[in-house]
Amino acid sequence: MFDYEALAQAMGELEEDTVVEILEGVMADGGSEAEKAMEACQKGMETVGALFEEGEYFVGDLIYAGELMTQAVGILKPALAGAESSGPKTKMILCTVKNDLHDIGKNIVKAMLEAGGFDVIDLGIDTPAEKIVETAKAEGVKIIALSGVLTLALDSMKEAVNAIKAAGLDCKIIIGGAPVSADACANVGADEWAHSPQKTVQTCKTWAAA
């Protein structure tokens, strides 16, 4: 019923009116296709990233795209949350690691985690390992999500994972962002890695249910 290719294209071209119109249509139809709509938006964000790398888009475009994606998540949130938002929420930590000041991706993941029923403790950007450990101990969290966009963020992620393990904390750790990969995950010592918000949410849901 809905043209998700058109939605992905509109997101990639930063056409806010079209994106909002389609998403509101999805919700007016009961929201059963919210997951498909979110995947289309994510596909559009990949286009934005590619155009930025090619020099077609600039930092301002990236920021606008992040705001548009956050708006999209906000529209779809009631349908994405579904029944899973009922009952006690799993508390978890989310942050951008030390020496990295990027938060667009982190904020999108946060919105989707909250839609998925998590109580997200957002420690913000440039977060030192000590703060992560301190908060994990104080809040009793079992899941920690570390975000980063710069290649040097991998070193900070490794430092944070080592600190978490040295503190004897029994936490599952997922890393996300542009520089992460299966090899990076193994090197950092994390339990899982993700490039997409969907994978992050799905992984955290699996851990929460275990």
N, C-alpha and C. Protein backbone atom coordinates (compact mmCIF):
# COMPACT_ATOMS: atom_id res chain seq x y z
N MET A 1 0.83 -1.21 0.00
CA MET A 1 0.00 0.00 0.00
C MET A 1 0.86 1.26 0.00
N PHE A 2 1.94 1.22 0.78
CA PHE A 2 2.82 2.38 0.85
C PHE A 2 4.07 2.15 0.01
N ASP A 3 4.55 3.21 -0.62
CA ASP A 3 5.72 3.12 -1.48
C ASP A 3 6.98 3.36 -0.64
N TYR A 4 7.60 2.26 -0.20
CA TYR A 4 8.75 2.40 0.69
C TYR A 4 10.02 2.81 -0.05
N GLU A 5 10.05 2.54 -1.37
CA GLU A 5 11.18 3.04 -2.17
C GLU A 5 11.13 4.57 -2.21
N ALA A 6 9.91 5.09 -2.34
CA ALA A 6 9.73 6.55 -2.36
C ALA A 6 10.09 7.15 -1.00
N LEU A 7 9.78 6.42 0.06
CA LEU A 7 10.11 6.88 1.42
C LEU A 7 11.62 6.92 1.60
N ALA A 8 12.30 5.85 1.16
CA ALA A 8 13.76 5.80 1.27
C ALA A 8 14.39 6.93 0.47
N GLN A 9 13.84 7.18 -0.73
CA GLN A 9 14.37 8.24 -1.58
C GLN A 9 14.15 9.61 -0.95
N ALA A 10 12.96 9.81 -0.39
CA ALA A 10 12.65 11.10 0.25
C ALA A 10 13.56 11.35 1.45
N MET A 11 13.83 10.29 2.22
CA MET A 11 14.74 10.43 3.36
C MET A 11 16.14 10.76 2.87
N GLY A 12 16.57 10.08 1.81
CA GLY A 12 17.90 10.32 1.25
C GLY A 12 18.05 11.72 0.68
N GLU A 13 16.94 12.26 0.18
CA GLU A 13 16.97 13.61 -0.41
C GLU A 13 16.53 14.68 0.59
N LEU A 14 16.31 14.25 1.84
CA LEU A 14 15.95 15.16 2.95
C LEU A 14 14.66 15.93 2.68
N GLU A 15 13.69 15.23 2.08
CA GLU A 15 12.39 15.85 1.80
C GLU A 15 11.45 15.60 2.98
N GLU A 16 11.51 16.49 3.93
CA GLU A 16 10.78 16.30 5.19
C GLU A 16 9.27 16.10 5.00
N ASP A 17 8.65 16.93 4.17
CA ASP A 17 7.19 16.86 3.99
C ASP A 17 6.76 15.48 3.49
N THR A 18 7.51 14.94 2.52
CA THR A 18 7.17 13.62 1.97
C THR A 18 7.36 12.53 3.01
N VAL A 19 8.47 12.59 3.73
CA VAL A 19 8.76 11.59 4.77
C VAL A 19 7.65 11.58 5.81
N VAL A 20 7.31 12.75 6.31
CA VAL A 20 6.29 12.86 7.36
C VAL A 20 4.93 12.39 6.85
N GLU A 21 4.60 12.78 5.62
CA GLU A 21 3.30 12.40 5.04
C GLU A 21 3.16 10.87 4.95
N ILE A 22 4.21 10.20 4.46
CA ILE A 22 4.15 8.74 4.33
C ILE A 22 4.08 8.08 5.71
N LEU A 23 4.89 8.54 6.63
CA LEU A 23 4.92 7.93 7.97
C LEU A 23 3.60 8.13 8.71
N GLU A 24 3.03 9.30 8.56
CA GLU A 24 1.73 9.55 9.21
C GLU A 24 0.65 8.67 8.58
N GLY A 25 0.81 8.38 7.28
CA GLY A 25 -0.11 7.47 6.61
C GLY A 25 0.01 6.06 7.16
N VAL A 26 1.24 5.64 7.40
CA VAL A 26 1.50 4.31 7.98
C VAL A 26 0.83 4.19 9.35
N MET A 27 0.95 5.24 10.15
CA MET A 27 0.36 5.23 11.50
C MET A 27 -1.16 5.30 11.44
N ALA A 28 -1.68 6.08 10.49
CA ALA A 28 -3.14 6.20 10.34
C ALA A 28 -3.75 4.87 9.91
N ASP A 29 -2.92 4.04 9.26
CA ASP A 29 -3.37 2.73 8.79
C ASP A 29 -3.23 1.65 9.88
N GLY A 30 -2.87 2.08 11.08
CA GLY A 30 -2.76 1.14 12.19
C GLY A 30 -1.34 0.84 12.63
N GLY A 31 -0.37 1.26 11.82
CA GLY A 31 1.03 1.10 12.21
C GLY A 31 1.61 -0.29 12.05
N SER A 32 0.87 -1.20 11.40
CA SER A 32 1.37 -2.57 11.27
C SER A 32 2.63 -2.68 10.41
N GLU A 33 2.86 -1.67 9.55
CA GLU A 33 4.03 -1.70 8.69
C GLU A 33 5.12 -0.73 9.16
N ALA A 34 5.09 -0.39 10.44
CA ALA A 34 6.06 0.56 10.99
C ALA A 34 7.49 0.06 10.83
N GLU A 35 7.68 -1.25 10.97
CA GLU A 35 9.02 -1.82 10.85
C GLU A 35 9.55 -1.64 9.43
N LYS A 36 8.70 -1.87 8.43
CA LYS A 36 9.09 -1.67 7.02
C LYS A 36 9.42 -0.21 6.77
N ALA A 37 8.61 0.67 7.34
CA ALA A 37 8.83 2.11 7.17
C ALA A 37 10.17 2.52 7.78
N MET A 38 10.48 1.95 8.96
CA MET A 38 11.74 2.28 9.62
C MET A 38 12.93 1.78 8.79
N GLU A 39 12.79 0.60 8.20
CA GLU A 39 13.86 0.07 7.35
C GLU A 39 14.08 0.97 6.13
N ALA A 40 13.00 1.51 5.59
CA ALA A 40 13.11 2.42 4.44
C ALA A 40 13.83 3.71 4.85
N CYS A 41 13.50 4.20 6.03
CA CYS A 41 14.16 5.42 6.55
C CYS A 41 15.66 5.16 6.75
N GLN A 42 15.98 3.98 7.28
CA GLN A 42 17.37 3.61 7.50
C GLN A 42 18.12 3.53 6.16
N LYS A 43 17.45 2.99 5.15
CA LYS A 43 18.03 2.91 3.81
C LYS A 43 18.32 4.31 3.27
N GLY A 44 17.38 5.23 3.55
CA GLY A 44 17.58 6.62 3.15
C GLY A 44 18.75 7.25 3.86
N MET A 45 18.94 6.90 5.14
CA MET A 45 20.06 7.44 5.91
C MET A 45 21.40 6.92 5.35
N GLU A 46 21.38 5.70 4.82
CA GLU A 46 22.60 5.16 4.19
C GLU A 46 22.95 5.98 2.95
N THR A 47 21.91 6.41 2.23
CA THR A 47 22.12 7.28 1.06
C THR A 47 22.73 8.60 1.50
N VAL A 48 22.22 9.14 2.60
CA VAL A 48 22.75 10.41 3.14
C VAL A 48 24.24 10.25 3.46
N GLY A 49 24.57 9.13 4.11
CA GLY A 49 25.97 8.88 4.47
C GLY A 49 26.86 8.78 3.24
N ALA A 50 26.35 8.11 2.20
CA ALA A 50 27.13 7.96 0.97
C ALA A 50 27.34 9.31 0.28
N LEU A 51 26.29 10.12 0.25
CA LEU A 51 26.40 11.44 -0.39
C LEU A 51 27.34 12.36 0.39
N PHE A 52 27.38 12.18 1.71
CA PHE A 52 28.31 12.96 2.53
C PHE A 52 29.75 12.58 2.19
N GLU A 53 30.00 11.26 2.07
CA GLU A 53 31.34 10.78 1.75
C GLU A 53 31.79 11.25 0.37
N GLU A 54 30.81 11.39 -0.54
CA GLU A 54 31.14 11.83 -1.91
C GLU A 54 31.27 13.34 -2.01
N GLY A 55 30.98 14.05 -0.93
CA GLY A 55 31.11 15.50 -0.95
C GLY A 55 29.87 16.22 -1.45
N GLU A 56 28.78 15.46 -1.68
CA GLU A 56 27.53 16.07 -2.14
C GLU A 56 26.79 16.74 -0.97
N TYR A 57 26.90 16.11 0.19
CA TYR A 57 26.28 16.65 1.41
C TYR A 57 27.37 17.12 2.37
N PHE A 58 26.98 18.06 3.24
CA PHE A 58 27.93 18.60 4.20
C PHE A 58 27.44 18.33 5.63
N VAL A 59 28.20 18.79 6.60
CA VAL A 59 27.87 18.50 8.00
C VAL A 59 26.46 18.97 8.36
N GLY A 60 26.07 20.13 7.83
CA GLY A 60 24.73 20.65 8.10
C GLY A 60 23.64 19.70 7.60
N ASP A 61 23.91 19.07 6.45
CA ASP A 61 22.96 18.09 5.90
C ASP A 61 22.87 16.87 6.80
N LEU A 62 24.02 16.44 7.33
CA LEU A 62 24.05 15.28 8.23
C LEU A 62 23.23 15.57 9.49
N ILE A 63 23.42 16.75 10.03
CA ILE A 63 22.68 17.14 11.24
C ILE A 63 21.18 17.17 10.97
N TYR A 64 20.82 17.75 9.83
CA TYR A 64 19.40 17.82 9.45
C TYR A 64 18.83 16.41 9.26
N ALA A 65 19.63 15.54 8.62
CA ALA A 65 19.19 14.15 8.40
C ALA A 65 18.95 13.45 9.73
N GLY A 66 19.85 13.71 10.70
CA GLY A 66 19.70 13.11 12.02
C GLY A 66 18.43 13.58 12.70
N GLU A 67 18.14 14.87 12.55
CA GLU A 67 16.92 15.43 13.15
C GLU A 67 15.67 14.83 12.48
N LEU A 68 15.75 14.66 11.15
CA LEU A 68 14.63 14.09 10.41
C LEU A 68 14.40 12.63 10.81
N MET A 69 15.50 11.90 11.00
CA MET A 69 15.38 10.50 11.41
C MET A 69 14.79 10.40 12.82
N THR A 70 15.22 11.28 13.70
CA THR A 70 14.67 11.29 15.05
C THR A 70 13.18 11.60 15.03
N GLN A 71 12.79 12.52 14.14
CA GLN A 71 11.37 12.86 13.97
C GLN A 71 10.60 11.64 13.46
N ALA A 72 11.22 10.91 12.52
CA ALA A 72 10.58 9.71 11.96
C ALA A 72 10.34 8.67 13.04
N VAL A 73 11.36 8.46 13.87
CA VAL A 73 11.23 7.49 14.97
C VAL A 73 10.12 7.93 15.92
N GLY A 74 10.05 9.24 16.15
CA GLY A 74 9.02 9.76 17.04
C GLY A 74 7.61 9.47 16.53
N ILE A 75 7.43 9.58 15.21
CA ILE A 75 6.11 9.31 14.61
C ILE A 75 5.77 7.82 14.73
N LEU A 76 6.77 6.97 14.47
CA LEU A 76 6.52 5.53 14.45
C LEU A 76 6.61 4.87 15.83
N LYS A 77 7.09 5.62 16.80
CA LYS A 77 7.39 5.07 18.13
C LYS A 77 6.24 4.25 18.75
N PRO A 78 5.01 4.76 18.74
CA PRO A 78 3.93 3.97 19.36
C PRO A 78 3.77 2.58 18.75
N ALA A 79 3.95 2.49 17.43
CA ALA A 79 3.80 1.19 16.75
C ALA A 79 5.03 0.31 16.95
N LEU A 80 6.21 0.95 16.98
CA LEU A 80 7.45 0.18 17.17
C LEU A 80 7.51 -0.40 18.58
N ALA A 81 7.00 0.36 19.53
CA ALA A 81 7.03 -0.09 20.93
C ALA A 81 6.11 -1.28 21.12
N GLY A 82 4.90 -1.18 20.58
CA GLY A 82 3.94 -2.27 20.68
C GLY A 82 3.72 -2.72 22.11
N ALA A 83 3.51 -4.01 22.26
CA ALA A 83 3.24 -4.56 23.59
C ALA A 83 4.51 -4.67 24.41
N GLU A 84 5.66 -4.55 23.74
CA GLU A 84 6.91 -4.78 24.45
C GLU A 84 7.27 -3.65 25.41
N SER A 85 6.53 -2.56 25.36
CA SER A 85 6.82 -1.46 26.27
C SER A 85 6.12 -1.64 27.62
N SER A 86 5.28 -2.68 27.71
CA SER A 86 4.57 -2.92 28.96
C SER A 86 5.46 -3.72 29.91
N GLY A 87 5.15 -3.65 31.18
CA GLY A 87 5.93 -4.38 32.17
C GLY A 87 7.19 -3.64 32.53
N PRO A 88 8.00 -4.22 33.41
CA PRO A 88 9.22 -3.55 33.84
C PRO A 88 10.19 -3.37 32.68
N LYS A 89 10.83 -2.21 32.63
CA LYS A 89 11.75 -1.94 31.53
C LYS A 89 13.17 -2.34 31.92
N THR A 90 13.90 -2.85 30.93
CA THR A 90 15.30 -3.20 31.15
C THR A 90 16.13 -1.92 31.08
N LYS A 91 16.92 -1.70 32.13
CA LYS A 91 17.75 -0.50 32.19
C LYS A 91 19.07 -0.77 31.51
N MET A 92 19.54 0.16 30.70
CA MET A 92 20.83 -0.01 30.01
C MET A 92 21.54 1.32 29.83
N ILE A 93 22.83 1.26 29.58
CA ILE A 93 23.64 2.46 29.35
C ILE A 93 23.91 2.62 27.86
N LEU A 94 23.84 3.86 27.40
CA LEU A 94 24.20 4.20 26.01
C LEU A 94 25.07 5.44 26.04
N CYS A 95 26.16 5.43 25.29
CA CYS A 95 27.00 6.63 25.24
C CYS A 95 27.91 6.62 24.03
N THR A 96 28.40 7.81 23.67
CA THR A 96 29.48 7.93 22.71
C THR A 96 30.77 7.94 23.53
N VAL A 97 31.75 7.14 23.11
CA VAL A 97 32.95 6.96 23.93
C VAL A 97 33.88 8.17 23.93
N LYS A 98 34.85 8.11 24.83
CA LYS A 98 35.82 9.19 25.01
C LYS A 98 36.50 9.58 23.70
N ASN A 99 36.72 10.86 23.53
CA ASN A 99 37.38 11.45 22.35
C ASN A 99 36.54 11.46 21.09
N ASP A 100 35.24 11.13 21.22
CA ASP A 100 34.34 11.19 20.07
C ASP A 100 33.13 12.05 20.46
N LEU A 101 32.84 13.06 19.65
CA LEU A 101 31.78 14.02 19.98
C LEU A 101 30.52 13.86 19.13
N HIS A 102 30.42 12.76 18.39
CA HIS A 102 29.27 12.55 17.50
C HIS A 102 28.09 11.95 18.26
N ASP A 103 26.91 12.50 18.02
CA ASP A 103 25.76 11.95 18.74
C ASP A 103 24.52 11.72 17.87
N ILE A 104 24.61 11.97 16.55
CA ILE A 104 23.42 11.76 15.70
C ILE A 104 23.00 10.30 15.73
N GLY A 105 23.95 9.41 15.44
CA GLY A 105 23.65 7.98 15.44
C GLY A 105 23.18 7.50 16.80
N LYS A 106 23.86 7.97 17.83
CA LYS A 106 23.50 7.58 19.20
C LYS A 106 22.08 8.00 19.52
N ASN A 107 21.71 9.18 19.13
CA ASN A 107 20.36 9.67 19.44
C ASN A 107 19.28 8.89 18.71
N ILE A 108 19.58 8.46 17.48
CA ILE A 108 18.63 7.64 16.73
C ILE A 108 18.45 6.29 17.42
N VAL A 109 19.59 5.69 17.80
CA VAL A 109 19.54 4.40 18.50
C VAL A 109 18.78 4.53 19.82
N LYS A 110 19.01 5.62 20.52
CA LYS A 110 18.32 5.85 21.80
C LYS A 110 16.81 5.88 21.59
N ALA A 111 16.37 6.63 20.58
CA ALA A 111 14.92 6.74 20.32
C ALA A 111 14.33 5.36 20.01
N MET A 112 15.07 4.55 19.25
CA MET A 112 14.56 3.23 18.89
C MET A 112 14.60 2.26 20.07
N LEU A 113 15.62 2.37 20.92
CA LEU A 113 15.68 1.52 22.12
C LEU A 113 14.53 1.85 23.06
N GLU A 114 14.26 3.14 23.22
CA GLU A 114 13.14 3.55 24.07
C GLU A 114 11.82 3.08 23.49
N ALA A 115 11.73 3.12 22.15
CA ALA A 115 10.52 2.62 21.50
C ALA A 115 10.37 1.11 21.72
N GLY A 116 11.52 0.44 21.87
CA GLY A 116 11.52 -1.00 22.09
C GLY A 116 11.32 -1.39 23.54
N GLY A 117 11.14 -0.40 24.41
CA GLY A 117 10.81 -0.70 25.79
C GLY A 117 11.98 -0.64 26.78
N PHE A 118 13.10 -0.06 26.38
CA PHE A 118 14.25 0.03 27.28
C PHE A 118 14.26 1.35 28.05
N ASP A 119 14.78 1.29 29.26
CA ASP A 119 15.03 2.49 30.06
C ASP A 119 16.48 2.87 29.81
N VAL A 120 16.70 3.83 28.92
CA VAL A 120 18.06 4.16 28.46
C VAL A 120 18.69 5.26 29.30
N ILE A 121 19.84 4.94 29.91
CA ILE A 121 20.63 5.94 30.63
C ILE A 121 21.65 6.48 29.63
N ASP A 122 21.40 7.67 29.13
CA ASP A 122 22.25 8.27 28.09
C ASP A 122 23.34 9.11 28.76
N LEU A 123 24.59 8.64 28.66
CA LEU A 123 25.71 9.36 29.27
C LEU A 123 26.32 10.41 28.35
N GLY A 124 25.70 10.58 27.16
CA GLY A 124 26.15 11.65 26.27
C GLY A 124 27.37 11.28 25.45
N ILE A 125 28.16 12.31 25.12
CA ILE A 125 29.34 12.13 24.25
C ILE A 125 30.63 12.22 25.07
N ASP A 126 31.74 11.81 24.44
CA ASP A 126 33.07 11.94 25.08
C ASP A 126 33.06 11.35 26.49
N THR A 127 32.51 10.13 26.61
CA THR A 127 32.31 9.53 27.93
C THR A 127 33.51 8.68 28.34
N PRO A 128 34.19 9.04 29.44
CA PRO A 128 35.33 8.24 29.89
C PRO A 128 34.91 6.89 30.46
N ALA A 129 35.82 5.93 30.40
CA ALA A 129 35.54 4.57 30.87
C ALA A 129 35.09 4.56 32.34
N GLU A 130 35.72 5.42 33.16
CA GLU A 130 35.40 5.43 34.59
C GLU A 130 33.93 5.78 34.83
N LYS A 131 33.41 6.71 34.03
CA LYS A 131 32.01 7.12 34.20
C LYS A 131 31.07 5.98 33.83
N ILE A 132 31.44 5.23 32.79
CA ILE A 132 30.61 4.09 32.37
C ILE A 132 30.56 3.05 33.49
N VAL A 133 31.73 2.72 34.04
CA VAL A 133 31.82 1.72 35.12
C VAL A 133 31.05 2.20 36.36
N GLU A 134 31.27 3.43 36.72
CA GLU A 134 30.62 4.02 37.90
C GLU A 134 29.09 3.95 37.77
N THR A 135 28.58 4.33 36.59
CA THR A 135 27.13 4.32 36.36
C THR A 135 26.58 2.90 36.33
N ALA A 136 27.32 2.00 35.69
CA ALA A 136 26.88 0.60 35.61
C ALA A 136 26.75 0.00 37.01
N LYS A 137 27.70 0.31 37.88
CA LYS A 137 27.66 -0.19 39.26
C LYS A 137 26.47 0.41 40.01
N ALA A 138 26.31 1.71 39.88
CA ALA A 138 25.26 2.42 40.63
C ALA A 138 23.86 2.02 40.19
N GLU A 139 23.70 1.78 38.89
CA GLU A 139 22.36 1.50 38.34
C GLU A 139 22.06 0.01 38.19
N GLY A 140 23.10 -0.82 38.32
CA GLY A 140 22.90 -2.26 38.19
C GLY A 140 22.50 -2.70 36.79
N VAL A 141 23.04 -2.03 35.77
CA VAL A 141 22.66 -2.39 34.40
C VAL A 141 23.37 -3.66 33.94
N LYS A 142 22.76 -4.35 32.99
CA LYS A 142 23.33 -5.58 32.45
C LYS A 142 23.71 -5.43 30.97
N ILE A 143 23.32 -4.28 30.38
CA ILE A 143 23.62 -4.04 28.96
C ILE A 143 24.25 -2.66 28.80
N ILE A 144 25.34 -2.60 28.03
CA ILE A 144 26.01 -1.33 27.75
C ILE A 144 26.24 -1.22 26.25
N ALA A 145 25.79 -0.11 25.67
CA ALA A 145 25.97 0.14 24.24
C ALA A 145 26.94 1.30 24.06
N LEU A 146 28.03 1.05 23.35
CA LEU A 146 29.07 2.06 23.12
C LEU A 146 29.05 2.49 21.66
N SER A 147 28.99 3.80 21.44
CA SER A 147 28.90 4.34 20.08
C SER A 147 30.13 5.16 19.74
N GLY A 148 30.47 5.17 18.46
CA GLY A 148 31.58 5.99 18.00
C GLY A 148 31.57 6.11 16.50
N VAL A 149 32.05 7.23 15.98
CA VAL A 149 32.09 7.46 14.54
C VAL A 149 33.54 7.51 14.04
N LEU A 150 34.43 8.02 14.86
CA LEU A 150 35.83 8.15 14.47
C LEU A 150 36.57 6.82 14.66
N THR A 151 37.60 6.60 13.84
CA THR A 151 38.39 5.37 13.96
C THR A 151 39.04 5.27 15.34
N LEU A 152 39.46 6.40 15.88
CA LEU A 152 40.11 6.38 17.20
C LEU A 152 39.13 6.00 18.31
N ALA A 153 37.84 5.99 18.00
CA ALA A 153 36.84 5.58 19.00
C ALA A 153 37.03 4.11 19.37
N LEU A 154 37.61 3.33 18.46
CA LEU A 154 37.84 1.91 18.75
C LEU A 154 38.77 1.73 19.94
N ASP A 155 39.78 2.60 20.04
CA ASP A 155 40.69 2.53 21.19
C ASP A 155 39.95 2.84 22.49
N SER A 156 39.08 3.85 22.42
CA SER A 156 38.30 4.22 23.60
C SER A 156 37.31 3.12 23.98
N MET A 157 36.75 2.46 22.97
CA MET A 157 35.84 1.34 23.22
C MET A 157 36.57 0.21 23.94
N LYS A 158 37.79 -0.08 23.46
CA LYS A 158 38.58 -1.15 24.07
C LYS A 158 38.91 -0.80 25.52
N GLU A 159 39.27 0.45 25.74
CA GLU A 159 39.57 0.93 27.09
C GLU A 159 38.36 0.77 28.01
N ALA A 160 37.18 1.11 27.48
CA ALA A 160 35.95 1.00 28.27
C ALA A 160 35.62 -0.46 28.58
N VAL A 161 35.75 -1.33 27.58
CA VAL A 161 35.45 -2.76 27.79
C VAL A 161 36.41 -3.35 28.82
N ASN A 162 37.68 -2.99 28.71
CA ASN A 162 38.66 -3.49 29.68
C ASN A 162 38.33 -3.03 31.10
N ALA A 163 37.90 -1.77 31.21
CA ALA A 163 37.56 -1.22 32.53
C ALA A 163 36.32 -1.92 33.11
N ILE A 164 35.34 -2.19 32.24
CA ILE A 164 34.11 -2.87 32.68
C ILE A 164 34.45 -4.27 33.19
N LYS A 165 35.31 -4.97 32.46
CA LYS A 165 35.70 -6.34 32.86
C LYS A 165 36.57 -6.33 34.11
N ALA A 166 37.47 -5.35 34.18
CA ALA A 166 38.36 -5.24 35.35
C ALA A 166 37.57 -4.96 36.62
N ALA A 167 36.43 -4.29 36.45
CA ALA A 167 35.58 -3.96 37.61
C ALA A 167 34.73 -5.16 38.04
N GLY A 168 34.82 -6.24 37.24
CA GLY A 168 34.07 -7.45 37.58
C GLY A 168 32.59 -7.35 37.28
N LEU A 169 32.21 -6.43 36.38
CA LEU A 169 30.80 -6.24 36.05
C LEU A 169 30.33 -7.30 35.04
N ASP A 170 29.20 -7.89 35.33
CA ASP A 170 28.63 -8.90 34.44
C ASP A 170 27.67 -8.22 33.47
N CYS A 171 28.25 -7.59 32.44
CA CYS A 171 27.44 -6.83 31.48
C CYS A 171 27.69 -7.31 30.06
N LYS A 172 26.63 -7.30 29.26
CA LYS A 172 26.75 -7.54 27.83
C LYS A 172 27.08 -6.20 27.18
N ILE A 173 28.01 -6.21 26.22
CA ILE A 173 28.45 -4.96 25.60
C ILE A 173 28.30 -5.04 24.08
N ILE A 174 27.61 -4.06 23.52
CA ILE A 174 27.49 -3.95 22.06
C ILE A 174 28.12 -2.64 21.62
N ILE A 175 28.88 -2.67 20.52
CA ILE A 175 29.49 -1.46 19.98
C ILE A 175 28.85 -1.14 18.64
N GLY A 176 28.74 0.15 18.32
CA GLY A 176 28.12 0.56 17.08
C GLY A 176 28.75 1.81 16.52
N GLY A 177 28.58 2.01 15.21
CA GLY A 177 29.13 3.20 14.56
C GLY A 177 29.93 2.85 13.32
N ALA A 178 30.34 3.85 12.61
CA ALA A 178 31.01 3.67 11.32
C ALA A 178 32.24 2.75 11.35
N PRO A 179 33.13 2.86 12.34
CA PRO A 179 34.36 2.07 12.27
C PRO A 179 34.25 0.63 12.76
N VAL A 180 33.10 0.23 13.30
CA VAL A 180 33.01 -1.10 13.88
C VAL A 180 32.80 -2.18 12.82
N SER A 181 33.27 -3.38 13.15
CA SER A 181 33.17 -4.53 12.26
C SER A 181 33.33 -5.77 13.13
N ALA A 182 33.23 -6.94 12.52
CA ALA A 182 33.42 -8.18 13.29
C ALA A 182 34.83 -8.23 13.87
N ASP A 183 35.82 -7.83 13.07
CA ASP A 183 37.21 -7.83 13.55
C ASP A 183 37.40 -6.83 14.68
N ALA A 184 36.82 -5.63 14.51
CA ALA A 184 36.94 -4.60 15.54
C ALA A 184 36.28 -5.07 16.84
N CYS A 185 35.14 -5.75 16.70
CA CYS A 185 34.41 -6.25 17.87
C CYS A 185 35.28 -7.24 18.64
N ALA A 186 35.94 -8.14 17.91
CA ALA A 186 36.81 -9.13 18.53
C ALA A 186 38.00 -8.46 19.21
N ASN A 187 38.56 -7.47 18.55
CA ASN A 187 39.71 -6.76 19.10
C ASN A 187 39.35 -5.95 20.35
N VAL A 188 38.19 -5.32 20.30
CA VAL A 188 37.72 -4.50 21.42
C VAL A 188 37.33 -5.38 22.61
N GLY A 189 36.82 -6.58 22.29
CA GLY A 189 36.40 -7.48 23.37
C GLY A 189 34.92 -7.37 23.70
N ALA A 190 34.16 -6.74 22.77
CA ALA A 190 32.71 -6.60 23.00
C ALA A 190 31.99 -7.90 22.64
N ASP A 191 30.73 -8.00 23.04
CA ASP A 191 29.95 -9.21 22.76
C ASP A 191 29.30 -9.19 21.38
N GLU A 192 29.01 -7.99 20.89
CA GLU A 192 28.33 -7.87 19.60
C GLU A 192 28.61 -6.51 19.00
N TRP A 193 28.34 -6.37 17.70
CA TRP A 193 28.52 -5.08 17.03
C TRP A 193 27.35 -4.86 16.07
N ALA A 194 27.13 -3.60 15.70
CA ALA A 194 26.01 -3.29 14.81
C ALA A 194 26.27 -2.01 14.03
N HIS A 195 25.80 -2.00 12.78
CA HIS A 195 25.83 -0.77 11.99
C HIS A 195 24.44 -0.14 11.96
N SER A 196 23.41 -0.94 12.20
CA SER A 196 22.05 -0.41 12.11
C SER A 196 21.38 -0.36 13.48
N PRO A 197 20.52 0.65 13.70
CA PRO A 197 19.77 0.72 14.96
C PRO A 197 18.92 -0.53 15.18
N GLN A 198 18.39 -1.09 14.07
CA GLN A 198 17.53 -2.28 14.20
C GLN A 198 18.28 -3.44 14.83
N LYS A 199 19.53 -3.66 14.38
CA LYS A 199 20.31 -4.78 14.94
C LYS A 199 20.63 -4.53 16.40
N THR A 200 20.93 -3.27 16.73
CA THR A 200 21.22 -2.93 18.13
C THR A 200 20.03 -3.26 19.01
N VAL A 201 18.86 -2.82 18.59
CA VAL A 201 17.64 -3.05 19.39
C VAL A 201 17.35 -4.54 19.50
N GLN A 202 17.45 -5.25 18.38
CA GLN A 202 17.15 -6.69 18.39
C GLN A 202 18.10 -7.46 19.31
N THR A 203 19.39 -7.10 19.23
CA THR A 203 20.40 -7.76 20.07
C THR A 203 20.10 -7.49 21.55
N CYS A 204 19.81 -6.25 21.88
CA CYS A 204 19.54 -5.89 23.28
C CYS A 204 18.27 -6.57 23.79
N LYS A 205 17.29 -6.71 22.91
CA LYS A 205 16.04 -7.41 23.31
C LYS A 205 16.34 -8.88 23.63
N THR A 206 17.18 -9.48 22.79
CA THR A 206 17.56 -10.89 23.01
C THR A 206 18.26 -11.04 24.36
N TRP A 207 19.19 -10.13 24.64
CA TRP A 207 19.92 -10.18 25.91
C TRP A 207 18.98 -9.94 27.10
N ALA A 208 18.06 -9.00 26.94
CA ALA A 208 17.13 -8.67 28.03
C ALA A 208 16.22 -9.84 28.37
N ALA A 209 15.89 -10.63 27.34
CA ALA A 209 14.97 -11.75 27.54
C ALA A 209 15.68 -13.00 28.09
N ALA A 210 17.01 -12.99 28.04
CA ALA A 210 17.77 -14.18 28.47
C ALA A 210 17.72 -14.38 29.98
